[in-house]
Amino acid sequence: MRNMLHETLTEEGYRGRFGSNGKQAFDLVSNKSYDLVLTDLRMQEVDGLTLLNKVKELDSDTSVIVMTAYGTIEDAVAAMKQGAFDFLTKPFDTEHLCVLVGRALESRRLLAENTLLRQEASLSAWD
């Protein structure tokens, strides 16, 4: 699955880092900020909800898409309550994934732009 995601997203022009398990993903997000995190719900060592919480703790604007082959409504609700951008049940269509990735990154861009505009407005109010 990880290889398919890497290949699909690379073909779409995205760059990324891929951990082979939850611990590696946890280490990646602990050491660098990312615009988007794709995570599986069930992983070895660190599960997807724990990773989601860590990502949001470090940067609440980072978009997180949670994927799982064992999706339940309860899992989806838990992920969304904890700040996930979306929840995908495997198997999923790669076109749908690419649309979600595009939306998540656009959301991140708009949040960053909004923050910048607020900062500029705040500074100009002092002039």
C-alpha atoms as a PDB file:
ATOM      1  CA  MET A   1       0.000   0.000   0.000  1.00  0.00           C
ATOM      2  CA  ARG A   2       2.798   2.411   0.941  1.00  0.00           C
ATOM      3  CA  ASN A   3       4.557   1.780  -2.380  1.00  0.00           C
ATOM      4  CA  MET A   4       1.325   2.321  -4.331  1.00  0.00           C
ATOM      5  CA  LEU A   5       0.702   5.603  -2.473  1.00  0.00           C
ATOM      6  CA  HIS A   6       4.264   6.749  -3.125  1.00  0.00           C
ATOM      7  CA  GLU A   7       4.029   5.936  -6.819  1.00  0.00           C
ATOM      8  CA  THR A   8       0.581   7.517  -7.252  1.00  0.00           C
ATOM      9  CA  LEU A   9       1.417  10.718  -5.400  1.00  0.00           C
ATOM     10  CA  THR A  10       4.801  11.060  -7.107  1.00  0.00           C
ATOM     11  CA  GLU A  11       3.101  10.741 -10.503  1.00  0.00           C
ATOM     12  CA  GLU A  12       0.746  13.547  -9.425  1.00  0.00           C
ATOM     13  CA  GLY A  13       3.751  15.764  -8.669  1.00  0.00           C
ATOM     14  CA  TYR A  14       3.756  15.508  -4.876  1.00  0.00           C
ATOM     15  CA  ARG A  15       6.859  14.904  -2.776  1.00  0.00           C
ATOM     16  CA  GLY A  16       6.863  13.099   0.522  1.00  0.00           C
ATOM     17  CA  ARG A  17       8.515  10.934   3.122  1.00  0.00           C
ATOM     18  CA  PHE A  18       7.139   7.511   3.922  1.00  0.00           C
ATOM     19  CA  GLY A  19       7.545   5.629   7.168  1.00  0.00           C
ATOM     20  CA  SER A  20       7.273   1.841   7.137  1.00  0.00           C
ATOM     21  CA  ASN A  21       5.441   1.733  10.488  1.00  0.00           C
ATOM     22  CA  GLY A  22       3.802   3.980  13.056  1.00  0.00           C
ATOM     23  CA  LYS A  23       7.013   4.556  14.995  1.00  0.00           C
ATOM     24  CA  GLN A  24       8.885   5.774  11.913  1.00  0.00           C
ATOM     25  CA  ALA A  25       5.978   8.047  10.983  1.00  0.00           C
ATOM     26  CA  PHE A  26       5.900   9.382  14.556  1.00  0.00           C
ATOM     27  CA  ASP A  27       9.632  10.127  14.346  1.00  0.00           C
ATOM     28  CA  LEU A  28       9.205  11.858  10.961  1.00  0.00           C
ATOM     29  CA  VAL A  29       6.473  14.221  12.180  1.00  0.00           C
ATOM     30  CA  SER A  30       8.334  14.860  15.431  1.00  0.00           C
ATOM     31  CA  ASN A  31      11.354  16.211  13.546  1.00  0.00           C
ATOM     32  CA  LYS A  32       9.807  18.132  10.646  1.00  0.00           C
ATOM     33  CA  SER A  33       6.611  19.983   9.802  1.00  0.00           C
ATOM     34  CA  TYR A  34       4.472  18.613   6.962  1.00  0.00           C
ATOM     35  CA  ASP A  35       1.564  20.101   5.027  1.00  0.00           C
ATOM     36  CA  LEU A  36      -0.208  16.749   4.871  1.00  0.00           C
ATOM     37  CA  VAL A  37       0.059  13.420   6.665  1.00  0.00           C
ATOM     38  CA  LEU A  38      -1.507  10.230   5.324  1.00  0.00           C
ATOM     39  CA  THR A  39      -1.732   7.544   7.968  1.00  0.00           C
ATOM     40  CA  ASP A  40      -3.191   4.126   8.386  1.00  0.00           C
ATOM     41  CA  LEU A  41      -5.359   3.653  11.446  1.00  0.00           C
ATOM     42  CA  ARG A  42      -3.719   0.363  12.400  1.00  0.00           C
ATOM     43  CA  MET A  43       0.063   0.297  12.383  1.00  0.00           C
ATOM     44  CA  GLN A  44       2.783  -1.406  14.364  1.00  0.00           C
ATOM     45  CA  GLU A  45       4.117   0.333  17.482  1.00  0.00           C
ATOM     46  CA  VAL A  46       2.142   3.603  17.081  1.00  0.00           C
ATOM     47  CA  ASP A  47      -1.454   3.637  15.801  1.00  0.00           C
ATOM     48  CA  GLY A  48      -2.949   6.211  13.466  1.00  0.00           C
ATOM     49  CA  LEU A  49      -4.963   8.079  16.106  1.00  0.00           C
ATOM     50  CA  THR A  50      -1.855   8.511  18.262  1.00  0.00           C
ATOM     51  CA  LEU A  51      -0.004   9.831  15.211  1.00  0.00           C
ATOM     52  CA  LEU A  52      -2.931  12.142  14.399  1.00  0.00           C
ATOM     53  CA  ASN A  53      -2.830  13.561  17.930  1.00  0.00           C
ATOM     54  CA  LYS A  54       0.949  14.129  17.703  1.00  0.00           C
ATOM     55  CA  VAL A  55       0.644  15.881  14.346  1.00  0.00           C
ATOM     56  CA  LYS A  56      -2.114  18.182  15.621  1.00  0.00           C
ATOM     57  CA  GLU A  57      -0.150  18.890  18.809  1.00  0.00           C
ATOM     58  CA  LEU A  58       2.867  19.982  16.767  1.00  0.00           C
ATOM     59  CA  ASP A  59       0.989  21.907  14.063  1.00  0.00           C
ATOM     60  CA  SER A  60      -2.788  22.140  14.242  1.00  0.00           C
ATOM     61  CA  ASP A  61      -2.949  23.320  10.606  1.00  0.00           C
ATOM     62  CA  THR A  62      -1.398  20.146   9.188  1.00  0.00           C
ATOM     63  CA  SER A  63      -4.020  18.162   7.284  1.00  0.00           C
ATOM     64  CA  VAL A  64      -4.254  14.483   8.207  1.00  0.00           C
ATOM     65  CA  ILE A  65      -6.043  11.841   6.156  1.00  0.00           C
ATOM     66  CA  VAL A  66      -6.634   8.582   8.023  1.00  0.00           C
ATOM     67  CA  MET A  67      -6.970   5.340   6.062  1.00  0.00           C
ATOM     68  CA  THR A  68      -8.026   1.884   7.173  1.00  0.00           C
ATOM     69  CA  ALA A  69      -9.165  -1.469   5.896  1.00  0.00           C
ATOM     70  CA  TYR A  70     -11.105  -1.994   9.123  1.00  0.00           C
ATOM     71  CA  GLY A  71     -13.150   1.195   9.138  1.00  0.00           C
ATOM     72  CA  THR A  72     -16.147   1.608  11.356  1.00  0.00           C
ATOM     73  CA  ILE A  73     -18.326   4.629  11.878  1.00  0.00           C
ATOM     74  CA  GLU A  74     -16.887   4.906  15.394  1.00  0.00           C
ATOM     75  CA  ASP A  75     -13.330   5.006  14.012  1.00  0.00           C
ATOM     76  CA  ALA A  76     -14.247   7.677  11.490  1.00  0.00           C
ATOM     77  CA  VAL A  77     -16.002   9.787  14.130  1.00  0.00           C
ATOM     78  CA  ALA A  78     -13.028   9.457  16.510  1.00  0.00           C
ATOM     79  CA  ALA A  79     -10.587  10.501  13.781  1.00  0.00           C
ATOM     80  CA  MET A  80     -12.698  13.480  12.726  1.00  0.00           C
ATOM     81  CA  LYS A  81     -13.183  14.620  16.325  1.00  0.00           C
ATOM     82  CA  GLN A  82      -9.411  14.537  16.774  1.00  0.00           C
ATOM     83  CA  GLY A  83      -8.926  16.774  13.760  1.00  0.00           C
ATOM     84  CA  ALA A  84      -8.551  14.484  10.741  1.00  0.00           C
ATOM     85  CA  PHE A  85      -9.234  16.176   7.417  1.00  0.00           C
ATOM     86  CA  ASP A  86     -10.892  13.010   6.135  1.00  0.00           C
ATOM     87  CA  PHE A  87     -11.202   9.270   6.666  1.00  0.00           C
ATOM     88  CA  LEU A  88     -10.758   6.728   3.843  1.00  0.00           C
ATOM     89  CA  THR A  89     -11.768   3.088   3.900  1.00  0.00           C
ATOM     90  CA  LYS A  90      -9.576   0.692   1.918  1.00  0.00           C
ATOM     91  CA  PRO A  91      -9.683  -0.272  -0.805  1.00  0.00           C
ATOM     92  CA  PHE A  92     -10.105   3.212  -2.236  1.00  0.00           C
ATOM     93  CA  ASP A  93      -9.881   4.656  -5.695  1.00  0.00           C
ATOM     94  CA  THR A  94      -6.577   6.460  -6.309  1.00  0.00           C
ATOM     95  CA  GLU A  95      -8.411   9.251  -8.148  1.00  0.00           C
ATOM     96  CA  HIS A  96     -10.504   9.845  -5.025  1.00  0.00           C
ATOM     97  CA  LEU A  97      -7.342   9.881  -2.930  1.00  0.00           C
ATOM     98  CA  CYS A  98      -5.729  12.441  -5.246  1.00  0.00           C
ATOM     99  CA  VAL A  99      -8.813  14.661  -5.020  1.00  0.00           C
ATOM    100  CA  LEU A 100      -8.690  14.459  -1.208  1.00  0.00           C
ATOM    101  CA  VAL A 101      -4.969  15.208  -1.159  1.00  0.00           C
ATOM    102  CA  GLY A 102      -5.552  18.228  -3.384  1.00  0.00           C
ATOM    103  CA  ARG A 103      -8.360  19.478  -1.147  1.00  0.00           C
ATOM    104  CA  ALA A 104      -6.326  18.933   2.012  1.00  0.00           C
ATOM    105  CA  LEU A 105      -3.350  20.825   0.616  1.00  0.00           C
ATOM    106  CA  GLU A 106      -5.590  23.645  -0.604  1.00  0.00           C
ATOM    107  CA  SER A 107      -7.098  23.861   2.884  1.00  0.00           C
ATOM    108  CA  ARG A 108      -3.606  24.079   4.351  1.00  0.00           C
ATOM    109  CA  ARG A 109      -2.658  26.796   1.847  1.00  0.00           C
ATOM    110  CA  LEU A 110      -5.768  28.829   2.677  1.00  0.00           C
ATOM    111  CA  LEU A 111      -5.091  28.552   6.415  1.00  0.00           C
ATOM    112  CA  ALA A 112      -1.524  29.769   5.905  1.00  0.00           C
ATOM    113  CA  GLU A 113      -2.701  32.627   3.697  1.00  0.00           C
ATOM    114  CA  ASN A 114      -5.349  33.601   6.251  1.00  0.00           C
ATOM    115  CA  THR A 115      -2.767  33.621   9.036  1.00  0.00           C
ATOM    116  CA  LEU A 116      -0.432  35.789   6.964  1.00  0.00           C
ATOM    117  CA  LEU A 117      -3.201  38.248   6.112  1.00  0.00           C
ATOM    118  CA  ARG A 118      -4.196  38.515   9.779  1.00  0.00           C
ATOM    119  CA  GLN A 119      -0.591  39.220  10.731  1.00  0.00           C
ATOM    120  CA  GLU A 120      -0.289  41.876   8.040  1.00  0.00           C
ATOM    121  CA  ALA A 121      -3.582  43.468   9.118  1.00  0.00           C
ATOM    122  CA  SER A 122      -2.449  43.494  12.717  1.00  0.00           C
ATOM    123  CA  LEU A 123       0.853  45.162  11.789  1.00  0.00           C
ATOM    124  CA  SER A 124      -0.817  47.780   9.595  1.00  0.00           C
ATOM    125  CA  ALA A 125      -3.223  48.616  12.426  1.00  0.00           C
ATOM    126  CA  TRP A 126      -0.194  49.851  14.369  1.00  0.00           C
ATOM    127  CA  ASP A 127       0.872  52.243  11.586  1.00  0.00           C
END
